[in-house]
Protein backbone atom coordinates (compact mmCIF):
# COMPACT_ATOMS: atom_id res chain seq x y z
CA UNK A 1 0.11 -0.05 0.07
CA UNK A 2 1.30 3.63 -1.11
CA UNK A 3 2.36 5.53 1.97
CA UNK A 4 0.06 8.59 2.78
CA UNK A 5 3.02 10.75 4.22
CA UNK A 6 4.11 11.80 0.34
CA UNK A 7 0.65 12.58 -0.71
CA UNK A 8 0.88 16.59 0.56
CA UNK A 9 4.26 17.03 -1.47
CA UNK A 10 2.70 14.97 -4.17
CA UNK A 11 -0.09 17.62 -4.45
CA UNK A 12 2.20 20.32 -4.40
CA UNK A 13 3.78 19.08 -7.24
CA UNK A 14 0.65 18.73 -8.90
CA UNK A 15 -0.44 22.16 -8.39
CA UNK A 16 2.99 23.40 -9.48
CA UNK A 17 2.89 21.32 -12.50
CA UNK A 18 -0.74 22.29 -13.47
CA UNK A 19 0.10 25.94 -13.28
CA UNK A 20 3.28 25.96 -15.04
CA UNK A 21 1.88 26.93 -18.35
CA UNK A 22 0.41 29.99 -16.61
CA UNK A 23 3.80 30.76 -15.07
CA UNK A 24 5.66 30.25 -18.56
CA UNK A 25 3.14 32.18 -20.40
CA UNK A 26 2.91 35.47 -18.36
CA UNK A 27 6.69 35.46 -17.35
CA UNK A 28 7.43 35.39 -20.93
CA UNK A 29 5.07 38.29 -21.77
CA UNK A 30 6.78 40.28 -19.13
CA UNK A 31 9.52 40.40 -21.28
CA UNK A 32 8.01 41.13 -24.25
CA UNK A 33 6.31 44.20 -22.27
CA UNK A 34 10.05 45.42 -21.62
CA UNK A 35 10.49 45.43 -25.26
CA UNK A 36 7.54 47.41 -26.20
CA UNK A 37 8.22 50.18 -23.73
CA UNK A 38 11.62 50.70 -25.15
CA UNK A 39 9.87 50.99 -28.38
CA UNK A 40 7.21 53.24 -27.29
CA UNK A 41 10.09 56.05 -26.65
CA UNK A 42 10.91 56.30 -30.08
CA UNK A 43 7.87 58.51 -31.15
CA UNK A 44 9.12 60.92 -28.66
CA UNK A 45 12.18 61.19 -30.40
CA UNK A 46 9.94 62.11 -33.65
CA UNK A 47 8.08 64.33 -31.32
CA UNK A 48 11.49 66.09 -30.48
CA UNK A 49 12.72 66.55 -34.05
CA UNK A 50 9.22 68.03 -35.14
CA UNK A 51 8.69 70.50 -32.17
CA UNK A 52 5.40 68.51 -30.76
CA UNK A 53 7.54 67.87 -27.63
CA UNK A 54 6.17 71.10 -26.07
CA UNK A 55 2.58 69.56 -26.70
CA UNK A 56 2.06 68.08 -23.04
CA UNK A 57 -0.75 65.87 -24.45
CA UNK A 58 1.36 63.99 -27.01
CA UNK A 59 4.13 63.45 -24.43
CA UNK A 60 1.45 62.14 -22.14
CA UNK A 61 0.47 59.60 -24.98
CA UNK A 62 3.58 57.78 -24.90
CA UNK A 63 5.06 58.48 -21.60
CA UNK A 64 2.17 57.00 -20.26
CA UNK A 65 2.15 53.82 -21.85
CA UNK A 66 5.72 53.46 -21.63
CA UNK A 67 5.62 53.42 -17.69
CA UNK A 68 2.84 51.05 -17.61
CA UNK A 69 4.26 48.84 -20.50
CA UNK A 70 7.49 48.59 -17.91
CA UNK A 71 5.53 48.22 -14.81
CA UNK A 72 3.35 45.49 -16.48
CA UNK A 73 6.86 43.65 -17.76
CA UNK A 74 8.41 44.14 -13.95
CA UNK A 75 5.24 42.52 -12.56
CA UNK A 76 4.84 39.41 -14.57
CA UNK A 77 8.82 38.60 -14.32
CA UNK A 78 8.77 39.00 -10.74
CA UNK A 79 5.29 37.09 -10.15
CA UNK A 80 5.88 34.27 -12.41
CA UNK A 81 8.62 31.47 -12.93
CA UNK A 82 9.97 31.53 -16.61
CA UNK A 83 10.82 28.36 -18.78
CA UNK A 84 11.22 27.17 -21.74
CA UNK A 85 7.72 27.27 -23.53
CA UNK A 86 6.55 24.10 -25.36
CA UNK A 87 4.49 24.33 -28.76
CA UNK A 88 1.13 24.88 -26.96
CA UNK A 89 2.46 27.43 -24.63
CA UNK A 90 4.40 29.48 -27.38
CA UNK A 91 0.98 29.60 -29.14
CA UNK A 92 -0.57 30.93 -26.16
CA UNK A 93 2.30 33.40 -25.45
CA UNK A 94 2.06 34.46 -29.36
CA UNK A 95 -1.88 35.13 -28.88
CA UNK A 96 -1.59 36.95 -25.61
CA UNK A 97 1.23 38.82 -26.54
CA UNK A 98 -0.56 40.40 -29.73
CA UNK A 99 -3.73 41.19 -27.77
CA UNK A 100 -1.49 42.65 -25.10
CA UNK A 101 0.76 44.89 -27.45
CA UNK A 102 -2.78 46.21 -29.27
CA UNK A 103 -3.83 47.16 -25.60
CA UNK A 104 -0.66 49.24 -24.66
CA UNK A 105 -0.29 50.49 -28.29
CA UNK A 106 -3.80 51.85 -28.52
CA UNK A 107 -3.00 54.10 -25.42
CA UNK A 108 -1.43 56.83 -27.42
CA UNK A 109 -4.49 57.31 -29.79
CA UNK A 110 -6.72 57.18 -26.10
CA UNK A 111 -5.02 59.85 -24.77
CA UNK A 112 -3.29 62.03 -27.82
CA UNK A 113 -6.58 61.60 -30.01
CA UNK A 114 -9.20 61.27 -27.31
CA UNK A 115 -10.43 58.13 -29.02
CA UNK A 116 -12.79 55.71 -27.49
CA UNK A 117 -10.90 52.66 -25.96
CA UNK A 118 -12.54 50.46 -28.28
CA UNK A 119 -11.60 52.59 -31.66
CA UNK A 120 -7.99 52.51 -30.01
CA UNK A 121 -8.01 49.19 -29.71
CA UNK A 122 -9.25 48.54 -33.02
CA UNK A 123 -6.77 50.84 -34.52
CA UNK A 124 -3.68 49.29 -32.77
CA UNK A 125 -4.81 45.83 -33.60
CA UNK A 126 -5.13 47.03 -36.99
CA UNK A 127 -1.81 48.30 -37.12
CA UNK A 128 0.01 45.35 -35.68
CA UNK A 129 -1.87 42.77 -37.62
CA UNK A 130 -0.96 44.85 -40.63
CA UNK A 131 -4.43 45.01 -41.74
CA UNK A 132 -4.95 48.72 -42.28
CA UNK A 133 -8.33 49.16 -41.62
CA UNK A 134 -8.68 52.48 -39.59
CA UNK A 135 -10.98 54.13 -37.08
CA UNK A 136 -9.70 57.70 -37.94
CA UNK A 137 -10.34 60.33 -40.45
CA UNK A 138 -8.69 63.75 -40.55
CA UNK A 139 -5.33 62.31 -40.81
CA UNK A 140 -3.68 64.88 -43.10
CA UNK A 141 -4.25 67.41 -39.68
CA UNK A 142 -2.99 64.25 -37.28
CA UNK A 143 -0.10 65.00 -34.94
CA UNK A 144 2.87 63.81 -36.59
CA UNK A 145 4.07 61.55 -33.87
CA UNK A 146 0.62 59.92 -33.85
CA UNK A 147 1.17 59.39 -37.72
CA UNK A 148 4.57 57.50 -37.22
CA UNK A 149 3.53 55.53 -34.36
CA UNK A 150 0.65 54.32 -36.95
CA UNK A 151 3.26 53.45 -39.31
CA UNK A 152 5.63 51.74 -36.91
CA UNK A 153 3.06 49.45 -35.66
CA UNK A 154 2.54 47.97 -38.95
CA UNK A 155 6.39 47.80 -39.61
CA UNK A 156 6.98 45.98 -36.25
CA UNK A 157 4.09 43.57 -37.18
CA UNK A 158 5.46 42.79 -40.93
CA UNK A 159 7.79 40.08 -40.07
CA UNK A 160 6.10 39.63 -36.27
CA UNK A 161 6.18 40.91 -32.91
CA UNK A 162 7.62 37.89 -31.25
CA UNK A 163 10.61 37.64 -34.11
CA UNK A 164 11.45 41.24 -33.63
CA UNK A 165 11.38 40.16 -29.91
CA UNK A 166 13.83 37.10 -30.42
CA UNK A 167 16.49 39.42 -32.63
CA UNK A 168 16.39 41.87 -29.82
CA UNK A 169 17.04 39.42 -26.80
CA UNK A 170 18.88 36.72 -28.95
CA UNK A 171 16.75 34.65 -27.24
CA UNK A 172 17.63 30.63 -27.68
CA UNK A 173 15.24 28.60 -25.55
CA UNK A 174 11.97 27.52 -27.14
CA UNK A 175 12.75 30.39 -29.76
CA UNK A 176 12.01 27.89 -32.59
CA UNK A 177 8.43 27.00 -31.26
CA UNK A 178 7.71 30.89 -30.43
CA UNK A 179 8.81 31.53 -34.14
CA UNK A 180 6.64 28.94 -35.54
CA UNK A 181 3.61 29.72 -33.49
CA UNK A 182 3.72 33.16 -35.05
CA UNK A 183 4.76 32.30 -38.51
CA UNK A 184 2.88 30.78 -41.46
CA UNK A 185 1.46 27.23 -40.50
CA UNK A 186 3.30 25.39 -43.61
CA UNK A 187 6.62 23.90 -43.93
CA UNK A 188 9.23 26.31 -45.63
CA UNK A 189 12.87 25.54 -45.42
CA UNK A 190 15.01 28.33 -43.57
CA UNK A 191 17.76 30.38 -45.38
CA UNK A 192 20.56 29.36 -42.90
CA UNK A 193 20.96 26.75 -40.10
CA UNK A 194 20.14 27.89 -36.63
CA UNK A 195 16.72 30.06 -36.04
CA UNK A 196 18.06 33.10 -34.55
CA UNK A 197 20.46 33.35 -37.71
CA UNK A 198 17.63 32.89 -39.77
CA UNK A 199 15.64 35.67 -37.82
CA UNK A 200 18.70 37.95 -37.96
CA UNK A 201 18.99 37.65 -42.01
CA UNK A 202 15.10 38.26 -42.48
CA UNK A 203 15.06 41.38 -40.35
CA UNK A 204 18.21 42.52 -42.14
CA UNK A 205 16.51 41.95 -45.46
CA UNK A 206 13.40 43.83 -44.24
CA UNK A 207 15.01 46.29 -42.90
CA UNK A 208 17.46 46.90 -46.37
CA UNK A 209 14.39 46.82 -48.25
CA UNK A 210 12.63 49.30 -46.16
CA UNK A 211 15.52 51.97 -46.32
CA UNK A 212 15.84 51.50 -50.12
CA UNK A 213 12.14 52.18 -50.46
CA UNK A 214 12.46 55.33 -48.23
CA UNK A 215 15.45 56.57 -49.59
CA UNK A 216 13.95 56.27 -53.17
CA UNK A 217 10.79 58.26 -52.28
CA UNK A 218 12.94 60.96 -51.08
CA UNK A 219 14.80 60.81 -53.96
CA UNK A 220 11.46 61.58 -56.05
CA UNK A 221 10.39 64.55 -53.92
CA UNK A 222 8.34 63.03 -50.78
CA UNK A 223 8.83 64.35 -47.47
CA UNK A 224 11.31 62.47 -45.12
CA UNK A 225 8.46 62.13 -42.53
CA UNK A 226 6.08 60.85 -45.27
CA UNK A 227 8.93 58.66 -46.82
CA UNK A 228 9.56 57.03 -43.52
CA UNK A 229 6.13 56.20 -42.63
CA UNK A 230 5.27 55.08 -46.31
CA UNK A 231 8.36 52.63 -46.49
CA UNK A 232 7.34 51.33 -43.16
CA UNK A 233 3.75 50.51 -44.44
CA UNK A 234 4.93 49.56 -47.86
CA UNK A 235 7.24 46.64 -46.84
CA UNK A 236 5.02 45.58 -44.04
CA UNK A 237 2.05 45.51 -46.74
CA UNK A 238 0.18 47.24 -44.09
CA UNK A 239 -1.16 50.29 -45.85
CA UNK A 240 -1.55 52.87 -43.39
CA UNK A 241 -0.85 56.19 -44.70
CA UNK A 242 -0.63 59.88 -43.23
CA UNK A 243 -3.33 60.99 -45.64
CA UNK A 244 -6.94 60.59 -45.86
CA UNK A 245 -6.67 60.24 -49.66
CA UNK A 246 -3.94 57.56 -49.46
CA UNK A 247 -1.54 57.65 -52.32
CA UNK A 248 -3.87 59.45 -54.20
CA UNK A 249 -3.19 62.62 -52.38
CA UNK A 250 -0.01 63.25 -54.31
CA UNK A 251 -1.86 63.25 -57.56
CA UNK A 252 -4.29 65.33 -56.07
CA UNK A 253 -1.90 68.15 -54.75
CA UNK A 254 -0.42 68.17 -58.32
CA UNK A 255 2.91 66.29 -57.04
CA UNK A 256 5.04 66.66 -59.94
CA UNK A 257 6.56 63.28 -59.42
CA UNK A 258 2.92 61.14 -58.57
CA UNK A 259 3.87 58.61 -61.28
CA UNK A 260 7.17 57.93 -59.87
CA UNK A 261 5.87 57.73 -56.27
CA UNK A 262 3.28 54.92 -57.45
CA UNK A 263 5.88 52.74 -59.41
CA UNK A 264 8.12 52.78 -56.16
CA UNK A 265 5.27 51.65 -54.01
CA UNK A 266 4.34 48.97 -56.55
CA UNK A 267 8.11 47.65 -56.57
CA UNK A 268 7.73 48.04 -52.68
CA UNK A 269 4.57 46.13 -52.14
CA UNK A 270 5.61 43.40 -54.31
CA UNK A 271 9.06 43.06 -52.29
CA UNK A 272 6.85 42.93 -49.17
CA UNK A 273 3.86 40.15 -50.73
CA UNK A 274 7.16 37.90 -52.03
CA UNK A 275 8.57 35.16 -49.81
CA UNK A 276 11.71 36.62 -48.23
CA UNK A 277 13.50 33.01 -48.94
CA UNK A 278 13.15 33.92 -52.54
CA UNK A 279 14.71 37.50 -51.58
CA UNK A 280 17.47 36.09 -49.84
CA UNK A 281 18.42 33.40 -52.62
CA UNK A 282 18.08 36.25 -55.13
CA UNK A 283 20.40 38.51 -52.91
CA UNK A 284 22.71 35.70 -53.00
CA UNK A 285 23.00 35.41 -57.13
CA UNK A 286 19.98 33.14 -57.93
CA UNK A 287 17.87 35.30 -60.09
CA UNK A 288 16.06 32.02 -61.14
CA UNK A 289 14.30 31.87 -57.84
CA UNK A 290 12.01 34.42 -58.58
CA UNK A 291 10.10 32.12 -61.23
CA UNK A 292 11.72 28.45 -60.66
CA UNK A 293 8.98 27.18 -57.97
CA UNK A 294 5.45 26.73 -58.28
CA UNK A 295 4.40 29.42 -55.45
CA UNK A 296 6.37 32.19 -57.55
CA UNK A 297 4.58 30.78 -61.00
CA UNK A 298 1.17 31.40 -59.35
CA UNK A 299 2.26 34.68 -57.85
CA UNK A 300 3.26 36.14 -61.00
CA UNK A 301 0.73 34.30 -63.11
CA UNK A 302 -2.00 35.43 -60.82
CA UNK A 303 -1.20 39.04 -60.71
CA UNK A 304 -0.51 39.26 -64.71
CA UNK A 305 -4.00 37.87 -65.14
CA UNK A 306 -5.66 39.99 -62.87
CA UNK A 307 -4.21 42.86 -64.35
CA UNK A 308 -5.22 41.54 -67.87
CA UNK A 309 -8.93 41.20 -66.94
CA UNK A 310 -9.51 44.19 -64.99
CA UNK A 311 -7.73 46.24 -67.51
CA UNK A 312 -9.46 44.74 -70.70
CA UNK A 313 -12.91 45.21 -68.74
CA UNK A 314 -11.84 48.88 -68.26
CA UNK A 315 -10.62 49.32 -71.82
CA UNK A 316 -13.69 47.38 -73.69
CA UNK A 317 -16.33 49.33 -71.32
CA UNK A 318 -15.19 52.89 -72.78
CA UNK A 319 -17.97 54.20 -75.26
CA UNK A 320 -17.41 54.01 -78.80
CA UNK A 321 -14.66 51.23 -78.09
CA UNK A 322 -12.96 50.10 -81.07
CA UNK A 323 -9.41 48.55 -81.94
CA UNK A 324 -8.24 52.24 -83.59
CA UNK A 325 -9.62 53.88 -80.72
CA UNK A 326 -6.80 52.38 -78.82
CA UNK A 327 -4.66 54.11 -81.12
CA UNK A 328 -6.25 57.70 -80.78
CA UNK A 329 -6.45 57.16 -76.77
CA UNK A 330 -2.86 58.12 -76.67
CA UNK A 331 0.05 56.64 -74.79
CA UNK A 332 -0.75 58.87 -71.58
CA UNK A 333 -3.95 57.63 -71.12
CA UNK A 334 -3.28 54.26 -71.41
CA UNK A 335 -0.52 54.44 -69.34
CA UNK A 336 -2.50 56.19 -66.47
CA UNK A 337 -5.24 52.90 -66.92
CA UNK A 338 -2.22 50.53 -66.68
CA UNK A 339 -0.43 51.71 -63.57
CA UNK A 340 -3.84 52.41 -61.89
CA UNK A 341 -5.16 49.10 -62.57
CA UNK A 342 -1.51 47.64 -61.62
CA UNK A 343 -1.27 49.32 -58.46
CA UNK A 344 -4.55 48.57 -57.06
CA UNK A 345 -4.31 44.77 -58.03
CA UNK A 346 -0.52 44.80 -56.46
CA UNK A 347 -2.37 46.61 -53.05
CA UNK A 348 -5.02 44.20 -52.71
CA UNK A 349 -3.09 40.58 -53.70
CA UNK A 350 -0.15 42.04 -51.44
CA UNK A 351 -3.01 42.92 -48.85
CA UNK A 352 -1.30 46.32 -48.56
CA UNK A 353 -4.27 48.15 -49.20
CA UNK A 354 -2.86 51.63 -50.66
CA UNK A 355 -5.17 53.22 -52.80
CA UNK A 356 -4.84 55.81 -56.05
CA UNK A 357 -8.67 54.68 -56.82
CA UNK A 358 -11.65 53.47 -54.61
CA UNK A 359 -11.81 50.16 -55.43
CA UNK A 360 -15.88 50.72 -55.44
CA UNK A 361 -15.61 53.69 -57.61
CA UNK A 362 -16.97 53.66 -61.23
CA UNK A 363 -13.20 53.58 -62.62
CA UNK A 364 -13.50 49.75 -61.83
CA UNK A 365 -16.04 47.43 -63.48
CA UNK A 366 -18.25 44.52 -61.82
CA UNK A 367 -16.08 41.68 -62.60
CA UNK A 368 -12.76 43.74 -60.79
CA UNK A 369 -15.13 44.41 -57.92
CA UNK A 370 -15.74 40.61 -57.86
CA UNK A 371 -11.85 39.76 -58.63
CA UNK A 372 -10.70 42.26 -55.77
CA UNK A 373 -12.84 40.12 -53.22
CA UNK A 374 -10.74 36.89 -54.98
CA UNK A 375 -7.33 38.60 -54.02
CA UNK A 376 -8.19 39.61 -50.68
CA UNK A 377 -8.76 35.85 -50.03
CA UNK A 378 -5.80 34.85 -51.91
CA UNK A 379 -3.60 37.15 -50.53
CA UNK A 380 0.71 37.23 -50.87
CA UNK A 381 3.37 34.31 -50.54
CA UNK A 382 4.24 32.47 -47.80
CA UNK A 383 7.08 33.48 -45.82
CA UNK A 384 6.25 37.39 -46.78
CA UNK A 385 4.59 39.97 -44.91
CA UNK A 386 1.46 39.52 -46.99
CA UNK A 387 -1.97 38.16 -45.48
CA UNK A 388 -4.41 36.06 -46.84
CA UNK A 389 -4.79 32.28 -47.34
CA UNK A 390 -1.34 32.49 -49.15
CA UNK A 391 -0.44 31.30 -53.02
CA UNK A 392 1.16 28.43 -52.07
CA UNK A 393 -2.04 27.01 -50.23
CA UNK A 394 -3.92 28.01 -53.30
CA UNK A 395 -1.58 26.03 -55.39
CA UNK A 396 -1.88 22.81 -52.63
CA UNK A 397 -5.53 22.85 -53.31
CA UNK A 398 -5.29 23.13 -56.86
CA UNK A 399 -3.01 19.90 -56.83
CA UNK A 400 -5.22 18.07 -54.43
CA UNK A 401 -8.34 18.66 -56.83
CA UNK A 402 -6.53 17.55 -59.44
CA UNK A 403 -5.58 14.35 -57.64
CA UNK A 404 -9.15 13.56 -56.38
CA UNK A 405 -10.28 14.13 -60.35
CA UNK A 406 -7.28 11.73 -61.42
CA UNK A 407 -8.49 9.15 -58.94
CA UNK A 408 -11.89 9.11 -60.34
CA UNK A 409 -10.31 7.84 -63.65
CA UNK A 410 -7.96 5.18 -62.38
CA UNK A 411 -8.28 2.00 -60.19
CA UNK A 412 -8.61 2.21 -56.56
CA UNK A 413 -5.23 0.69 -56.32
CA UNK A 414 -3.60 3.57 -57.95
CA UNK A 415 -1.00 5.46 -55.87
CA UNK A 416 -1.73 9.36 -56.27
CA UNK A 417 0.02 11.95 -53.94
CA UNK A 418 0.30 15.71 -54.08
CA UNK A 419 3.34 16.84 -55.60
CA UNK A 420 4.67 20.46 -55.48
CA UNK A 421 8.26 21.47 -56.76
CA UNK A 422 8.86 17.72 -57.16
CA UNK A 423 8.51 16.36 -53.78
CA UNK A 424 5.46 14.58 -52.28
CA UNK A 425 2.83 16.99 -49.75
CA UNK A 426 2.52 14.91 -46.57
CA UNK A 427 -0.88 14.03 -45.32
CA UNK A 428 -0.49 16.05 -42.29
CA UNK A 429 0.07 19.28 -44.28
CA UNK A 430 -2.69 18.83 -46.54
CA UNK A 431 -5.10 18.18 -43.47
CA UNK A 432 -4.02 21.64 -41.99
CA UNK A 433 -4.54 23.42 -45.40
CA UNK A 434 -7.95 22.14 -45.75
CA UNK A 435 -8.82 22.64 -42.32
CA UNK A 436 -7.45 26.23 -42.44
CA UNK A 437 -9.45 27.02 -45.70
CA UNK A 438 -12.77 25.41 -43.77
CA UNK A 439 -12.05 28.09 -40.93
CA UNK A 440 -11.36 30.91 -43.37
CA UNK A 441 -14.83 30.28 -44.75
CA UNK A 442 -16.49 30.16 -40.98
CA UNK A 443 -15.05 33.26 -40.26
CA UNK A 444 -16.19 34.95 -43.18
CA UNK A 445 -19.87 33.86 -43.16
CA UNK A 446 -19.89 34.83 -39.34
CA UNK A 447 -18.37 37.90 -39.91
CA UNK A 448 -20.58 38.81 -42.91
CA UNK A 449 -23.98 37.86 -41.14
CA UNK A 450 -22.86 39.89 -38.11
CA UNK A 451 -21.94 42.88 -39.99
CA UNK A 452 -25.24 42.76 -42.15
CA UNK A 453 -27.60 42.27 -39.09
CA UNK A 454 -26.17 44.97 -37.06
CA UNK A 455 -25.27 47.42 -39.78
CA UNK A 456 -27.90 47.60 -42.42
CA UNK A 457 -25.32 47.18 -45.28
CA UNK A 458 -25.71 44.88 -47.88
CA UNK A 459 -24.54 41.43 -48.10
CA UNK A 460 -21.72 42.41 -50.41
CA UNK A 461 -20.33 45.07 -48.52
CA UNK A 462 -20.85 42.97 -45.42
CA UNK A 463 -19.11 40.06 -46.81
CA UNK A 464 -16.12 42.46 -48.41
CA UNK A 465 -15.79 43.92 -44.72
CA UNK A 466 -14.89 40.51 -43.16
CA UNK A 467 -12.78 39.60 -45.88
CA UNK A 468 -10.81 42.74 -45.46
CA UNK A 469 -10.35 41.89 -41.53
CA UNK A 470 -9.65 38.27 -41.60
CA UNK A 471 -7.24 38.61 -44.62
CA UNK A 472 -5.49 41.45 -43.26
CA UNK A 473 -6.13 43.81 -46.09
CA UNK A 474 -7.80 47.06 -45.15
CA UNK A 475 -9.86 48.14 -48.17
CA UNK A 476 -13.33 46.99 -48.56
CA UNK A 477 -16.61 48.40 -50.03
CA UNK A 478 -17.56 49.89 -46.87
CA UNK A 479 -16.55 53.73 -47.01
CA UNK A 480 -14.30 54.82 -43.83
CA UNK A 481 -16.78 56.76 -42.37
CA UNK A 482 -19.19 53.90 -42.55
CA UNK A 483 -16.74 51.55 -40.88
CA UNK A 484 -16.26 54.19 -38.29
CA UNK A 485 -20.00 54.43 -37.51
CA UNK A 486 -20.13 50.14 -37.29
CA UNK A 487 -21.59 48.78 -34.26
CA UNK A 488 -19.20 48.04 -31.33
CA UNK A 489 -20.05 44.31 -31.58
CA UNK A 490 -19.09 44.25 -35.77
CA UNK A 491 -16.19 46.28 -34.52
CA UNK A 492 -15.25 43.33 -31.70
CA UNK A 493 -15.73 40.59 -34.47
CA UNK A 494 -13.14 42.28 -37.28
CA UNK A 495 -10.68 42.92 -34.28
CA UNK A 496 -11.11 39.14 -33.46
CA UNK A 497 -11.09 38.46 -37.61
CA UNK A 498 -7.74 40.56 -37.82
CA UNK A 499 -5.93 38.61 -35.27
CA UNK A 500 -7.18 35.25 -36.44
CA UNK A 501 -5.82 36.17 -40.06
CA UNK A 502 -2.70 37.07 -38.93
CA UNK A 503 -2.13 34.34 -36.79
CA UNK A 504 -3.69 31.81 -38.84
CA UNK A 505 -6.80 30.97 -36.68
CA UNK A 506 -5.60 27.84 -34.86
CA UNK A 507 -3.65 29.79 -31.91
CA UNK A 508 -6.74 32.00 -31.40
CA UNK A 509 -8.85 29.00 -31.17
CA UNK A 510 -6.81 27.29 -28.53
CA UNK A 511 -6.84 30.24 -26.40
CA UNK A 512 -10.49 29.47 -25.74
CA UNK A 513 -9.85 26.08 -24.53
CA UNK A 514 -9.41 25.66 -20.80
CA UNK A 515 -7.69 22.31 -21.44
CA UNK A 516 -4.78 24.10 -23.21
CA UNK A 517 -3.69 25.87 -19.69
CA UNK A 518 -3.31 22.48 -17.77
CA UNK A 519 -2.46 19.98 -20.68
CA UNK A 520 -0.12 17.41 -19.27
CA UNK A 521 1.36 16.12 -22.53
CA UNK A 522 1.85 18.20 -25.55
CA UNK A 523 3.71 18.04 -28.17
CA UNK A 524 7.45 19.60 -27.80
């Protein structure tokens, strides 16, 4: 018979083990809040440079969250024991980290703009998830420090908050699980051995491209602050702009080089929407990497097809159209149509969301409006800063359908697998892609239904709003003024959709599972 004298210790150990996940998760969150407190100091530097440091409201808007973030980090570090997170704990850290960062990151809007808590939180979540839906108008008159912070949140969220934390702290324990929890849930090779080295390389490329775009924008006459803000939100495929009119602002004010600005941003958006592993290979000299795998072939193919269809619809619907009318239209008009279509297709499929034309304006026909919804769902490449379902997953589903059709024509004993780039895709990968696609459809249907029932908007507009949130895209067929006036419940649903879309749904669902916090055995 087991002795009872050891039972109290056994209960104690059981209690410690039961709350181990809570301790590890909250302790790690404390470390991330320390990093956030340092990041929140950066806008104060901008305030000093722009002269807004004399505005006490602006100073309070950032000093208060700096203090709060530092104190929260200190409390969590001292109150809970740390440890190496397992896979499940890493996912919980990831979700709570993004929720916590958005709460603290929304304080500058709450204090500096006197916005409501919900709108401030929404704006911060939209920033960190690089979605780009905004709750604010009057951006052209907004304090420059606030505008800088909006753009910085998107730049930080582009490659991921936790990846930034890992490269700053050079953390090794459980780092690969934290990286996997935040990155796209699909098997991709790393550019070099060692996770920390991989993250360093990604951030070096990301920062380098950001500087290139910023420098190019300054050269063509954009102001330094605008160039920095737009370079942040271009490479992160976030889409926040310091102007209400977005990129069309420069044409409206008669900027002499607005065309060059648009072409530079098209290039920058394509950089952000392309797999960063491809960038690494190209920089190492392998230019063929731009087209030698299935995802890149689909990527360029989809962009080309979308541009061709929308441009054809635009040209054919011109009154009195004929082949000869193309010659009379003149190069300038043809170039403007091409540039406008290429810019908007690039902005939507990379999920950046910049605009030179409103996607709901008469400039675009009904076919274009349908295709924009498709682009919102497809999104960018795996391993990019783009949102959406991802091009590689679309390729996998297309191959899966081909396989099922093939199996109908062959004997049951015939072996058939899904092949991507000459390699079979394992069953677990296909299950994950199929499950994620199903959850996408569920979220879009629920979000669209909630929007339609509480806003009075039509089904088309309501569906596009949730597409925008889950796809982390920004533009939709809901005007900004209407978006701001949405029912609070709809805003909460969109906030959940933005987070679920950025973290690819599964970690967010895990947060609502009580057993996740007390699981005894998890995959490490």
